[in-house]
Amino acid sequence: MSQTEKSVIPFAPMDKGNDQLDKAGQSILNLLHKAAGVAEQNSQQALDIAQKLSHQLRAAEQRIADLEAEAETHRDSAERAEQWLHKVYSEIEERFLRQESGRARTNAR
C-alpha cells in the first residue's frame, strides 16, 4: 500500500451506526416534507378564505352604496313633498284665512 492509500478515509463505511444515521436523516427529511405540505395547505386555505371574505366585503360595500343612493332618493322625495305641503298650506292660508278675515271686517262695519 502506498502512502496515499493509507491516508484516504472512506466517507461512509457501511456499518449499523451509519445505517441508523441514514434512517434518522431520511425520517427527518420525510417529516420536514410533510410539515411543508401541511404549511402549504394551510397557506392555500387561508388565501382562499381571504379571497372569499374579500369578495363578500366588496359585495357588502356595493350593497351599502346602493342603499345610500336609495336613501338619498327618499330624502329628496321627502323634501319635495315637504315643499309641496308648504305651498299647499300657504295657498290655503292665503285664500281661505284671508277671505275669512276680510269677511269679518266687512261684517263688523
Protein backbone atom coordinates (compact mmCIF):
# COMPACT_ATOMS: atom_id res chain seq x y z
CA MET A 1 0.00 0.00 0.00
CA SER A 2 1.18 3.41 -0.83
CA GLN A 3 1.19 6.42 1.46
CA THR A 4 -1.79 7.96 -0.37
CA GLU A 5 -3.91 4.85 0.02
CA LYS A 6 -3.29 4.79 3.76
CA SER A 7 -4.33 8.47 4.24
CA VAL A 8 -7.69 8.13 2.41
CA ILE A 9 -10.51 7.51 4.84
CA PRO A 10 -13.70 6.10 3.39
CA PHE A 11 -16.61 8.60 3.60
CA ALA A 12 -19.36 6.26 4.74
CA PRO A 13 -18.33 2.82 5.78
CA MET A 14 -21.33 0.54 5.84
CA ASP A 15 -21.97 -0.30 9.44
CA LYS A 16 -25.06 -0.27 11.61
CA GLY A 17 -24.30 3.15 13.13
CA ASN A 18 -24.30 4.85 9.76
CA ASP A 19 -27.37 2.87 8.62
CA GLN A 20 -29.29 4.20 11.64
CA LEU A 21 -27.98 7.69 10.96
CA ASP A 22 -29.19 7.48 7.36
CA LYS A 23 -32.60 6.28 8.51
CA ALA A 24 -32.83 9.10 11.06
CA GLY A 25 -31.81 11.67 8.45
CA GLN A 26 -34.33 10.29 5.97
CA SER A 27 -37.06 10.32 8.65
CA ILE A 28 -36.28 13.92 9.47
CA LEU A 29 -36.46 14.85 5.78
CA ASN A 30 -39.78 13.00 5.43
CA LEU A 31 -41.21 14.86 8.43
CA LEU A 32 -39.91 18.13 7.02
CA HIS A 33 -41.63 17.44 3.68
CA LYS A 34 -44.88 16.55 5.47
CA ALA A 35 -44.68 19.73 7.55
CA ALA A 36 -44.03 21.78 4.41
CA GLY A 37 -47.06 20.15 2.75
CA VAL A 38 -49.28 20.93 5.72
CA ALA A 39 -47.97 24.51 5.83
CA GLU A 40 -48.68 24.87 2.09
CA GLN A 41 -52.22 23.53 2.55
CA ASN A 42 -52.82 25.90 5.48
CA SER A 43 -51.46 28.79 3.47
CA GLN A 44 -53.68 27.96 0.49
CA GLN A 45 -56.71 27.57 2.74
CA ALA A 46 -56.00 30.94 4.38
CA LEU A 47 -55.64 32.54 0.95
CA ASP A 48 -58.93 31.01 -0.23
CA ILE A 49 -60.72 32.27 2.87
CA ALA A 50 -59.18 35.74 2.45
CA GLN A 51 -60.35 35.88 -1.17
CA LYS A 52 -63.85 34.75 -0.20
CA LEU A 53 -64.03 37.38 2.54
CA SER A 54 -62.70 40.00 0.15
CA HIS A 55 -65.50 39.21 -2.31
CA GLN A 56 -68.07 39.35 0.48
CA LEU A 57 -66.69 42.68 1.63
CA ARG A 58 -66.90 44.12 -1.90
CA ALA A 59 -70.49 42.87 -2.21
CA ALA A 60 -71.37 44.42 1.17
CA GLU A 61 -69.76 47.72 0.17
CA GLN A 62 -71.75 47.73 -3.08
CA ARG A 63 -74.96 46.98 -1.17
CA ILE A 64 -74.19 49.86 1.22
CA ALA A 65 -73.62 52.20 -1.73
CA ASP A 66 -76.92 51.08 -3.28
CA LEU A 67 -78.79 51.60 -0.02
CA GLU A 68 -77.22 55.03 0.47
CA ALA A 69 -78.31 56.04 -3.05
CA GLU A 70 -81.81 54.75 -2.34
CA ALA A 71 -81.91 56.66 0.97
CA GLU A 72 -80.82 59.83 -0.85
CA THR A 73 -83.64 59.35 -3.35
CA HIS A 74 -86.14 59.01 -0.48
CA ARG A 75 -84.72 62.10 1.24
CA ASP A 76 -85.14 64.08 -1.99
CA SER A 77 -88.72 62.83 -2.36
CA ALA A 78 -89.50 63.70 1.26
CA GLU A 79 -88.03 67.18 0.78
CA ARG A 80 -90.10 67.75 -2.35
CA ALA A 81 -93.22 66.51 -0.56
CA GLU A 82 -92.47 68.91 2.29
CA GLN A 83 -92.12 71.78 -0.17
CA TRP A 84 -95.45 70.90 -1.76
CA LEU A 85 -97.15 70.71 1.64
CA HIS A 86 -95.79 74.14 2.49
CA LYS A 87 -97.02 75.51 -0.83
CA VAL A 88 -100.49 73.99 -0.32
CA TYR A 89 -100.62 75.34 3.24
CA SER A 90 -99.61 78.81 2.05
CA GLU A 91 -102.26 78.70 -0.68
CA ILE A 92 -104.93 77.61 1.80
CA GLU A 93 -103.85 80.28 4.25
CA GLU A 94 -103.87 82.98 1.57
CA ARG A 95 -107.21 82.06 0.00
CA PHE A 96 -109.31 80.93 2.92
CA LEU A 97 -107.91 82.57 6.03
CA ARG A 98 -107.57 86.00 4.41
CA GLN A 99 -111.07 85.70 3.00
CA GLU A 100 -112.35 84.86 6.48
CA SER A 101 -110.63 87.88 8.00
CA GLY A 102 -111.95 90.07 5.11
CA ARG A 103 -115.50 88.86 5.78
CA ALA A 104 -115.09 89.51 9.47
CA ARG A 105 -114.06 93.11 8.75
CA THR A 106 -116.95 93.56 6.32
CA ASN A 107 -119.44 92.20 8.87
CA ALA A 108 -118.00 94.39 11.60
CA ARG A 109 -118.81 97.61 9.64
